[in-house]
Amino acid sequence: MNAKFFDLTTALDQADTVEKAWRLGLAFFAAFGATHICLTAHAPGREFFTKWSTPDWVLDAYLESDVSTTGSLVAHCQTSLSPYFSGYDAERRPNSLTPERIRFLDTLRQVDITHGIIFPVNKQPDCQWGYFSFNTRLSREDVQQIFERNGGLIGLAGLALFHRVEQLSLAKQRLKASLSAREEECLLWLAKGLRNDRIAEKMGVKPITVEYHLLNCRKKLGATTREQALVIAVMNSLIRNASRQAARQAPGQTLLAKPNAR
C-alpha cells in the first residue's frame, strides 16, 4: 500500500467530524495540484449530499442547473466507474457540451477551475451514484500527466474521503434528527451554564421536565453525563442554529413558540 494513502486513510479514520476529514482531503489533493475538490452523492429516498470546497454560489449554480441531474457526466457516473475528464477541450464530444454545461464550465473558470478528473462512485444494490472531483487550473496536458503518474492514488484517496465524509455527515444527520426541539433547547441553556431550575424558568416548564429532556439527550447521544452529551452536541453542531436564535431572544424568553408547553 502506498505510504501516502495509508497515512491519509489512518488520519481519516481518526477524524471525528466532517470538517476535520475535509481538511485532511484538501491538504492531500492540493499536493497534487488540486485547486478545489468536490463530493456529490445521490441515493433514492435520501437528501442529495454534496461537499464542495468552492464558494457556496458555485455549488448553488450547480444545484440550480440541469447539469446536476442530466447530461453526459451524470450518465457516465450512473453507469461507469472509469474516470471522466472535465473541461472545454476534454468534453468536446458529440452532445457532451450542452449550452447549460458550457455556462457551468464558465462558472468554474471564475474560481480557477479549468480542468478536472471525476472519479465515479456507484454503489449497488442501493442504487447510489455520485463522484469525487479533482479540479485544477492546470492545462489538459498537465492534468493528463497527473493522471498517468498518480491517477490510481488520487482515485483511491478520493474514494476514501468520499466514504468517510459521507459516513460522518450521515451520522451527524442521525444525531440531529434524534433530538427534539426541547432537548436541543435544554442543551443550549446548559451550555450557557444554567442549572435545572433556571433552565426550567427559561423554558416555562418544571425542573423535573428539564431533567427528563437531558436524560433523553444522554441516551440519544450515547453519553454517560449531561456534560458529555453537551460536548457531543457542540462537536456535531447540533445546537449551533439554536445558539444564534438565543442571541436574539429577550431575557427570560423561551426559544420556542409555546413557552408553556411541556
Protein backbone atom coordinates (compact mmCIF):
# COMPACT_ATOMS: atom_id res chain seq x y z
CA MET A 1 0.00 0.00 0.00
CA ASN A 2 1.24 3.50 -0.88
CA ALA A 3 2.55 5.25 2.25
CA LYS A 4 0.71 8.50 1.44
CA PHE A 5 -2.57 6.63 1.01
CA PHE A 6 -2.03 4.70 4.24
CA ASP A 7 -1.32 7.91 6.16
CA LEU A 8 -4.44 9.57 4.73
CA THR A 9 -6.78 6.69 5.49
CA THR A 10 -5.37 6.38 9.02
CA ALA A 11 -5.96 10.08 9.61
CA LEU A 12 -9.46 9.89 8.10
CA ASP A 13 -10.38 7.03 10.43
CA GLN A 14 -9.32 9.19 13.37
CA ALA A 15 -11.24 12.26 12.15
CA ASP A 16 -14.45 12.57 14.15
CA THR A 17 -16.10 15.44 12.25
CA VAL A 18 -16.81 16.20 8.60
CA GLU A 19 -14.67 19.34 8.71
CA LYS A 20 -11.64 17.50 10.09
CA ALA A 21 -11.88 14.86 7.37
CA TRP A 22 -12.44 17.53 4.75
CA ARG A 23 -9.32 19.49 5.76
CA LEU A 24 -7.26 16.32 5.50
CA GLY A 25 -8.55 15.77 1.98
CA LEU A 26 -7.93 19.36 0.91
CA ALA A 27 -4.31 19.21 2.06
CA PHE A 28 -3.73 15.80 0.44
CA PHE A 29 -5.04 16.72 -3.01
CA ALA A 30 -3.51 20.21 -3.02
CA ALA A 31 -0.12 18.48 -3.01
CA PHE A 32 -1.03 17.03 -6.44
CA GLY A 33 -2.15 20.39 -7.86
CA ALA A 34 -5.84 20.49 -6.98
CA THR A 35 -7.44 23.93 -6.77
CA HIS A 36 -10.75 22.55 -5.47
CA ILE A 37 -12.29 19.18 -4.70
CA CYS A 38 -15.95 18.19 -4.79
CA LEU A 39 -18.03 15.28 -3.47
CA THR A 40 -21.55 14.60 -4.74
CA ALA A 41 -23.85 11.66 -3.96
CA HIS A 42 -27.38 10.70 -4.97
CA ALA A 43 -29.41 7.91 -3.37
CA PRO A 44 -33.13 7.07 -3.54
CA GLY A 45 -35.12 8.27 -0.54
CA ARG A 46 -32.27 10.36 0.83
CA GLU A 47 -31.32 14.02 0.66
CA PHE A 48 -28.89 15.00 -2.10
CA PHE A 49 -25.43 15.02 -0.47
CA THR A 50 -22.74 17.49 -1.55
CA LYS A 51 -19.46 18.79 -0.13
CA TRP A 52 -17.53 21.23 -2.29
CA SER A 53 -14.51 23.40 -1.49
CA THR A 54 -15.70 26.08 -3.93
CA PRO A 55 -17.64 29.14 -2.73
CA ASP A 56 -21.30 28.46 -1.98
CA TRP A 57 -22.50 30.38 -5.04
CA VAL A 58 -20.72 27.89 -7.32
CA LEU A 59 -22.47 24.94 -5.68
CA ASP A 60 -25.78 26.84 -5.86
CA ALA A 61 -25.26 27.34 -9.60
CA TYR A 62 -24.65 23.61 -9.96
CA LEU A 63 -27.70 22.55 -7.95
CA GLU A 64 -29.99 25.01 -9.71
CA SER A 65 -28.99 23.81 -13.19
CA ASP A 66 -29.79 20.67 -15.12
CA VAL A 67 -26.13 19.59 -15.11
CA SER A 68 -26.60 18.19 -11.58
CA THR A 69 -29.18 15.62 -12.75
CA THR A 70 -28.82 15.21 -16.52
CA GLY A 71 -26.16 15.20 -19.21
CA SER A 72 -23.18 13.10 -20.21
CA LEU A 73 -21.38 13.40 -16.86
CA VAL A 74 -24.41 12.17 -14.92
CA ALA A 75 -24.97 9.31 -17.37
CA HIS A 76 -21.31 8.34 -17.10
CA CYS A 77 -21.32 8.32 -13.28
CA GLN A 78 -24.52 6.25 -13.20
CA THR A 79 -23.15 3.53 -15.46
CA SER A 80 -19.36 3.52 -15.23
CA LEU A 81 -16.51 3.57 -12.73
CA SER A 82 -13.89 4.84 -15.18
CA PRO A 83 -12.56 8.40 -14.72
CA TYR A 84 -14.21 11.25 -16.61
CA PHE A 85 -12.09 14.21 -17.74
CA SER A 86 -13.87 17.56 -17.49
CA GLY A 87 -13.21 20.91 -19.16
CA TYR A 88 -13.95 22.55 -22.50
CA ASP A 89 -11.40 20.70 -24.61
CA ALA A 90 -11.78 17.45 -22.63
CA GLU A 91 -15.55 17.28 -23.19
CA ARG A 92 -15.69 18.13 -26.89
CA ARG A 93 -17.60 15.03 -27.85
CA PRO A 94 -20.97 14.82 -29.63
CA ASN A 95 -23.80 16.08 -27.37
CA SER A 96 -21.42 16.47 -24.37
CA LEU A 97 -21.23 20.26 -24.21
CA THR A 98 -24.79 21.46 -23.90
CA PRO A 99 -25.40 25.21 -23.51
CA GLU A 100 -26.07 24.73 -19.81
CA ARG A 101 -22.89 22.69 -19.36
CA ILE A 102 -20.92 25.45 -21.10
CA ARG A 103 -22.41 28.04 -18.75
CA PHE A 104 -21.42 25.95 -15.76
CA LEU A 105 -17.86 25.50 -17.07
CA ASP A 106 -17.72 29.29 -17.38
CA THR A 107 -18.75 29.49 -13.73
CA LEU A 108 -15.96 27.12 -12.72
CA ARG A 109 -13.41 29.26 -14.52
CA GLN A 110 -14.26 32.09 -12.13
CA VAL A 111 -12.80 30.04 -9.26
CA ASP A 112 -9.69 28.83 -11.10
CA ILE A 113 -11.10 25.53 -12.33
CA THR A 114 -10.36 24.82 -16.00
CA HIS A 115 -9.98 21.04 -15.96
CA GLY A 116 -10.71 18.14 -13.68
CA ILE A 117 -10.71 14.40 -13.19
CA ILE A 118 -14.01 12.98 -11.98
CA PHE A 119 -13.97 9.58 -10.30
CA PRO A 120 -17.46 7.99 -10.21
CA VAL A 121 -18.79 6.25 -7.11
CA ASN A 122 -21.53 3.77 -7.91
CA LYS A 123 -22.74 1.59 -5.05
CA GLN A 124 -25.14 -1.31 -5.53
CA PRO A 125 -27.67 -2.59 -4.58
CA ASP A 126 -28.87 0.69 -3.01
CA CYS A 127 -28.65 2.45 -6.40
CA GLN A 128 -26.45 5.24 -5.08
CA TRP A 129 -24.28 7.10 -7.54
CA GLY A 130 -22.00 10.06 -7.19
CA TYR A 131 -18.45 11.18 -7.70
CA PHE A 132 -15.26 12.66 -6.32
CA SER A 133 -13.91 15.50 -8.44
CA PHE A 134 -10.26 16.59 -8.54
CA ASN A 135 -10.24 20.11 -10.03
CA THR A 136 -7.37 22.33 -11.10
CA ARG A 137 -6.35 25.42 -13.06
CA LEU A 138 -3.74 23.37 -14.93
CA SER A 139 -3.88 22.61 -18.65
CA ARG A 140 -5.40 19.46 -20.08
CA GLU A 141 -1.91 18.13 -20.84
CA ASP A 142 -0.77 18.71 -17.26
CA VAL A 143 -3.88 17.02 -15.89
CA GLN A 144 -3.25 14.05 -18.17
CA GLN A 145 0.30 13.75 -16.79
CA ILE A 146 -1.01 13.93 -13.21
CA PHE A 147 -3.43 11.14 -14.03
CA GLU A 148 -0.77 8.97 -15.67
CA ARG A 149 1.57 9.35 -12.69
CA ASN A 150 -0.82 9.39 -9.75
CA GLY A 151 -4.33 8.69 -11.09
CA GLY A 152 -4.68 5.43 -9.18
CA LEU A 153 -3.61 7.02 -5.89
CA ILE A 154 -5.83 10.09 -6.37
CA GLY A 155 -8.81 7.90 -7.23
CA LEU A 156 -8.39 5.64 -4.20
CA ALA A 157 -7.81 8.61 -1.89
CA GLY A 158 -10.87 10.36 -3.30
CA LEU A 159 -12.98 7.27 -2.69
CA ALA A 160 -11.70 7.03 0.90
CA LEU A 161 -12.51 10.70 1.51
CA PHE A 162 -15.92 10.31 -0.11
CA HIS A 163 -16.94 7.42 2.13
CA ARG A 164 -15.56 8.98 5.35
CA VAL A 165 -17.18 12.39 4.78
CA GLU A 166 -20.46 10.76 3.82
CA GLN A 167 -20.30 8.47 6.86
CA LEU A 168 -19.65 11.36 9.26
CA SER A 169 -22.30 13.52 7.59
CA LEU A 170 -24.96 10.82 7.87
CA ALA A 171 -24.02 10.17 11.49
CA LYS A 172 -24.44 13.88 12.21
CA GLN A 173 -27.82 13.90 10.46
CA ARG A 174 -28.98 10.94 12.54
CA LEU A 175 -27.93 12.68 15.75
CA LYS A 176 -29.68 15.87 14.68
CA ALA A 177 -32.84 14.02 13.76
CA SER A 178 -32.84 12.17 17.07
CA LEU A 179 -33.02 15.29 19.25
CA SER A 180 -36.32 17.04 19.82
CA ALA A 181 -36.58 20.84 19.81
CA ARG A 182 -36.99 20.85 23.61
CA GLU A 183 -33.92 18.64 24.06
CA GLU A 184 -31.84 20.95 21.87
CA GLU A 185 -33.03 23.93 23.91
CA CYS A 186 -32.10 22.25 27.19
CA LEU A 187 -28.58 21.62 25.88
CA LEU A 188 -28.31 25.22 24.75
CA TRP A 189 -29.16 26.60 28.19
CA LEU A 190 -26.85 24.01 29.75
CA ALA A 191 -24.08 25.33 27.50
CA LYS A 192 -24.74 28.79 28.95
CA GLY A 193 -24.08 27.43 32.44
CA LEU A 194 -27.66 27.33 33.72
CA ARG A 195 -28.82 24.81 36.32
CA ASN A 196 -32.04 22.83 36.00
CA ASP A 197 -34.19 25.32 37.93
CA ARG A 198 -33.02 28.25 35.79
CA ILE A 199 -33.41 26.23 32.58
CA ALA A 200 -36.94 25.35 33.68
CA GLU A 201 -37.65 29.03 34.30
CA LYS A 202 -36.35 29.98 30.86
CA MET A 203 -38.42 27.29 29.14
CA GLY A 204 -41.56 27.67 31.21
CA VAL A 205 -41.52 24.09 32.47
CA LYS A 206 -40.81 22.27 35.72
CA PRO A 207 -37.26 21.21 36.71
CA ILE A 208 -38.25 17.55 36.51
CA THR A 209 -39.18 18.09 32.86
CA VAL A 210 -35.74 19.55 32.19
CA GLU A 211 -34.15 16.52 33.86
CA TYR A 212 -36.27 14.26 31.66
CA HIS A 213 -35.14 16.06 28.49
CA LEU A 214 -31.47 15.94 29.49
CA LEU A 215 -31.77 12.24 30.30
CA ASN A 216 -33.13 11.67 26.78
CA CYS A 217 -30.21 13.68 25.37
CA ARG A 218 -27.76 11.39 27.14
CA LYS A 219 -29.49 8.27 25.82
CA LYS A 220 -29.78 9.50 22.23
CA LEU A 221 -26.22 10.81 22.01
CA GLY A 222 -24.67 7.84 23.78
CA ALA A 223 -23.36 9.98 26.64
CA THR A 224 -22.91 8.98 30.28
CA THR A 225 -23.25 12.52 31.66
CA ARG A 226 -25.09 15.66 30.65
CA GLU A 227 -21.73 17.37 30.14
CA GLN A 228 -20.64 14.66 27.73
CA ALA A 229 -23.95 14.98 25.86
CA LEU A 230 -23.31 18.71 25.56
CA VAL A 231 -19.80 18.14 24.17
CA ILE A 232 -21.12 15.68 21.57
CA ALA A 233 -23.84 18.14 20.56
CA VAL A 234 -21.39 21.02 20.22
CA MET A 235 -18.84 18.96 18.24
CA ASN A 236 -21.58 17.93 15.82
CA SER A 237 -23.04 21.47 15.59
CA LEU A 238 -26.41 20.23 16.87
CA ILE A 239 -27.16 23.40 18.83
CA ARG A 240 -25.37 25.98 16.67
CA ASN A 241 -28.54 27.28 14.99
CA ALA A 242 -30.33 27.44 18.31
CA SER A 243 -27.42 29.47 19.69
CA ARG A 244 -27.88 32.10 17.01
CA GLN A 245 -31.58 32.23 17.77
CA ALA A 246 -30.98 32.54 21.50
CA ALA A 247 -28.84 35.61 20.97
CA ARG A 248 -31.89 37.36 19.58
CA GLN A 249 -34.24 36.43 22.44
CA ALA A 250 -35.27 38.83 25.14
CA PRO A 251 -34.11 37.87 28.66
CA GLY A 252 -36.35 35.18 30.13
CA GLN A 253 -37.99 34.37 26.79
CA THR A 254 -38.03 30.75 25.67
CA LEU A 255 -36.65 29.80 22.27
CA LEU A 256 -39.82 28.00 21.27
CA ALA A 257 -43.14 29.36 20.14
CA LYS A 258 -45.13 27.88 23.04
CA PRO A 259 -43.32 28.63 26.30
CA ASN A 260 -45.86 26.80 28.45
CA ALA A 261 -45.77 23.52 26.52
CA ARG A 262 -44.43 20.55 28.46
